[in-house]
């Protein structure tokens, strides 16, 4: 095998339009409790029309991706409602909202490295065909970083 055949492992993540979230690992890999053990180190960047905002740190947890995946599945099946990637940390919030029964979906990304002094919002429009790949990306994240002690988190 040559050096050109070697590829660095791809970090699990979520990619959609101008949004890219990379998961680098658990904040506390030695813990297995429902709270601290589920926090993930991430880097998220959202870009569009000459603007780009990046945040990084322990801003999302495994439960955030699990709840998003469940809501995306429901949105895909029913073509109504919404799905949200959210956290108790105010740096990133992504909302998917059904616009009609034809499968059009609005995606609103709120992202900021400093929630005290900045606000950044990006809006995209997708259709239901984007949802299965997003669901698969969430599954991939959760395969690498399963929810620890889900009963303790009520999921």
Protein backbone atom coordinates (compact mmCIF):
# COMPACT_ATOMS: atom_id res chain seq x y z
CA UNK A 1 0.00 0.00 0.00
CA UNK A 2 1.36 3.41 -0.91
CA UNK A 3 1.02 6.64 1.04
CA UNK A 4 -1.59 7.81 -1.46
CA UNK A 5 -3.78 4.86 -0.45
CA UNK A 6 -3.79 5.94 3.17
CA UNK A 7 -6.65 8.20 4.13
CA UNK A 8 -7.23 9.92 7.44
CA UNK A 9 -10.36 8.72 9.16
CA UNK A 10 -13.30 10.99 8.52
CA UNK A 11 -14.74 12.47 11.67
CA UNK A 12 -18.47 11.92 11.99
CA UNK A 13 -20.50 14.98 11.32
CA UNK A 14 -23.45 16.64 9.69
CA UNK A 15 -23.33 18.53 6.41
CA UNK A 16 -26.20 20.45 4.85
CA UNK A 17 -26.09 23.34 2.38
CA UNK A 18 -23.65 25.81 3.97
CA UNK A 19 -23.61 24.12 7.38
CA UNK A 20 -20.92 21.67 8.43
CA UNK A 21 -20.63 20.20 11.93
CA UNK A 22 -17.66 17.95 12.74
CA UNK A 23 -17.57 15.87 15.91
CA UNK A 24 -14.03 15.48 17.30
CA UNK A 25 -14.79 13.35 20.36
CA UNK A 26 -16.34 13.37 23.78
CA UNK A 27 -15.51 16.18 26.18
CA UNK A 28 -15.00 13.67 28.99
CA UNK A 29 -14.23 10.29 27.40
CA UNK A 30 -13.52 8.74 30.81
CA UNK A 31 -17.06 9.41 32.08
CA UNK A 32 -20.11 7.27 31.39
CA UNK A 33 -22.82 9.26 33.18
CA UNK A 34 -25.92 10.69 31.51
CA UNK A 35 -24.82 14.31 31.64
CA UNK A 36 -21.09 15.04 31.45
CA UNK A 37 -20.35 11.81 29.58
CA UNK A 38 -22.54 12.81 26.63
CA UNK A 39 -20.97 16.17 25.77
CA UNK A 40 -19.15 16.33 22.42
CA UNK A 41 -16.32 18.52 21.16
CA UNK A 42 -17.43 19.98 17.83
CA UNK A 43 -16.53 22.50 15.20
CA UNK A 44 -19.43 24.00 13.26
CA UNK A 45 -19.19 26.36 10.32
CA UNK A 46 -22.02 27.96 8.41
CA UNK A 47 -21.31 29.88 5.21
CA UNK A 48 -23.36 31.57 2.52
CA UNK A 49 -23.14 34.60 0.25
CA UNK A 50 -19.74 35.81 1.41
CA UNK A 51 -20.33 35.26 5.13
CA UNK A 52 -18.86 32.50 7.26
CA UNK A 53 -19.21 31.87 11.00
CA UNK A 54 -17.36 29.17 12.93
CA UNK A 55 -17.87 27.94 16.48
CA UNK A 56 -16.00 25.25 18.33
CA UNK A 57 -15.97 23.65 21.72
CA UNK A 58 -18.25 21.42 23.77
CA UNK A 59 -21.45 22.88 22.38
CA UNK A 60 -23.64 19.85 21.57
CA UNK A 61 -24.26 16.52 23.21
CA UNK A 62 -25.23 13.09 21.92
CA UNK A 63 -28.84 13.58 23.00
CA UNK A 64 -29.06 16.64 20.72
CA UNK A 65 -28.25 14.45 17.72
CA UNK A 66 -30.59 11.66 18.86
CA UNK A 67 -33.54 14.03 19.23
CA UNK A 68 -32.75 15.68 15.89
CA UNK A 69 -32.64 12.27 14.19
CA UNK A 70 -36.00 11.27 15.66
CA UNK A 71 -37.59 14.56 14.63
CA UNK A 72 -36.12 14.38 11.11
CA UNK A 73 -37.58 10.88 10.71
CA UNK A 74 -40.99 12.15 11.76
CA UNK A 75 -40.72 15.17 9.45
CA UNK A 76 -39.79 12.88 6.56
CA UNK A 77 -42.72 10.54 7.22
CA UNK A 78 -45.37 13.21 7.78
CA UNK A 79 -44.06 16.15 5.72
CA UNK A 80 -45.23 18.49 8.47
CA UNK A 81 -43.86 19.79 11.72
CA UNK A 82 -40.32 20.66 12.63
CA UNK A 83 -37.00 19.19 13.76
CA UNK A 84 -34.43 20.99 15.89
CA UNK A 85 -30.77 20.60 16.70
CA UNK A 86 -30.41 22.47 19.96
CA UNK A 87 -28.37 22.60 23.10
CA UNK A 88 -28.31 24.34 26.44
CA UNK A 89 -25.29 26.16 25.01
CA UNK A 90 -26.45 29.20 22.99
CA UNK A 91 -23.83 29.00 20.23
CA UNK A 92 -25.69 26.86 17.70
CA UNK A 93 -29.35 26.15 16.97
CA UNK A 94 -30.68 24.64 13.74
CA UNK A 95 -34.38 24.42 12.96
CA UNK A 96 -36.03 22.52 10.12
CA UNK A 97 -39.65 23.58 9.48
CA UNK A 98 -42.10 22.17 6.99
CA UNK A 99 -43.38 24.83 4.60
CA UNK A 100 -46.02 22.77 2.82
CA UNK A 101 -47.26 19.22 2.19
CA UNK A 102 -45.13 19.07 -0.98
CA UNK A 103 -41.98 18.51 1.07
CA UNK A 104 -40.45 21.99 1.05
CA UNK A 105 -38.51 22.65 4.24
CA UNK A 106 -37.00 25.84 5.64
CA UNK A 107 -33.72 25.49 7.50
CA UNK A 108 -32.71 28.29 9.84
CA UNK A 109 -29.23 28.20 11.39
CA UNK A 110 -28.40 30.43 14.35
CA UNK A 111 -24.68 30.32 15.06
CA UNK A 112 -22.36 32.58 17.02
CA UNK A 113 -18.98 32.30 18.71
CA UNK A 114 -20.06 35.00 21.22
CA UNK A 115 -23.74 35.00 22.15
CA UNK A 116 -23.30 38.11 24.29
CA UNK A 117 -22.27 40.41 21.44
CA UNK A 118 -23.15 38.70 18.13
CA UNK A 119 -26.08 37.14 16.29
CA UNK A 120 -25.74 35.32 12.97
CA UNK A 121 -28.56 33.67 11.06
CA UNK A 122 -28.47 31.70 7.82
CA UNK A 123 -31.54 30.47 5.96
CA UNK A 124 -31.72 27.66 3.41
CA UNK A 125 -34.53 25.84 1.63
CA UNK A 126 -34.42 22.10 1.02
CA UNK A 127 -36.94 19.40 0.20
CA UNK A 128 -37.69 16.05 1.79
CA UNK A 129 -35.07 14.24 -0.33
CA UNK A 130 -32.39 15.86 1.85
CA UNK A 131 -33.73 14.24 5.02
CA UNK A 132 -32.63 10.58 4.61
CA UNK A 133 -28.94 11.56 4.21
CA UNK A 134 -29.23 13.84 7.27
CA UNK A 135 -30.80 11.02 9.25
CA UNK A 136 -27.94 8.72 8.15
CA UNK A 137 -25.39 11.33 9.26
CA UNK A 138 -27.02 11.50 12.71
CA UNK A 139 -26.97 7.68 12.88
CA UNK A 140 -23.26 7.74 11.99
CA UNK A 141 -22.53 10.24 14.77
CA UNK A 142 -24.48 8.13 17.27
CA UNK A 143 -22.72 4.96 16.12
CA UNK A 144 -19.37 6.55 17.02
CA UNK A 145 -20.69 8.33 20.13
CA UNK A 146 -23.74 6.51 21.49
CA UNK A 147 -25.91 8.16 24.12
CA UNK A 148 -24.58 7.11 27.51
CA UNK A 149 -27.15 6.20 30.15
CA UNK A 150 -30.18 7.20 28.01
CA UNK A 151 -32.57 6.40 30.87
CA UNK A 152 -30.82 9.03 32.94
CA UNK A 153 -31.59 11.55 30.22
CA UNK A 154 -35.15 10.35 29.61
CA UNK A 155 -34.59 9.26 26.01
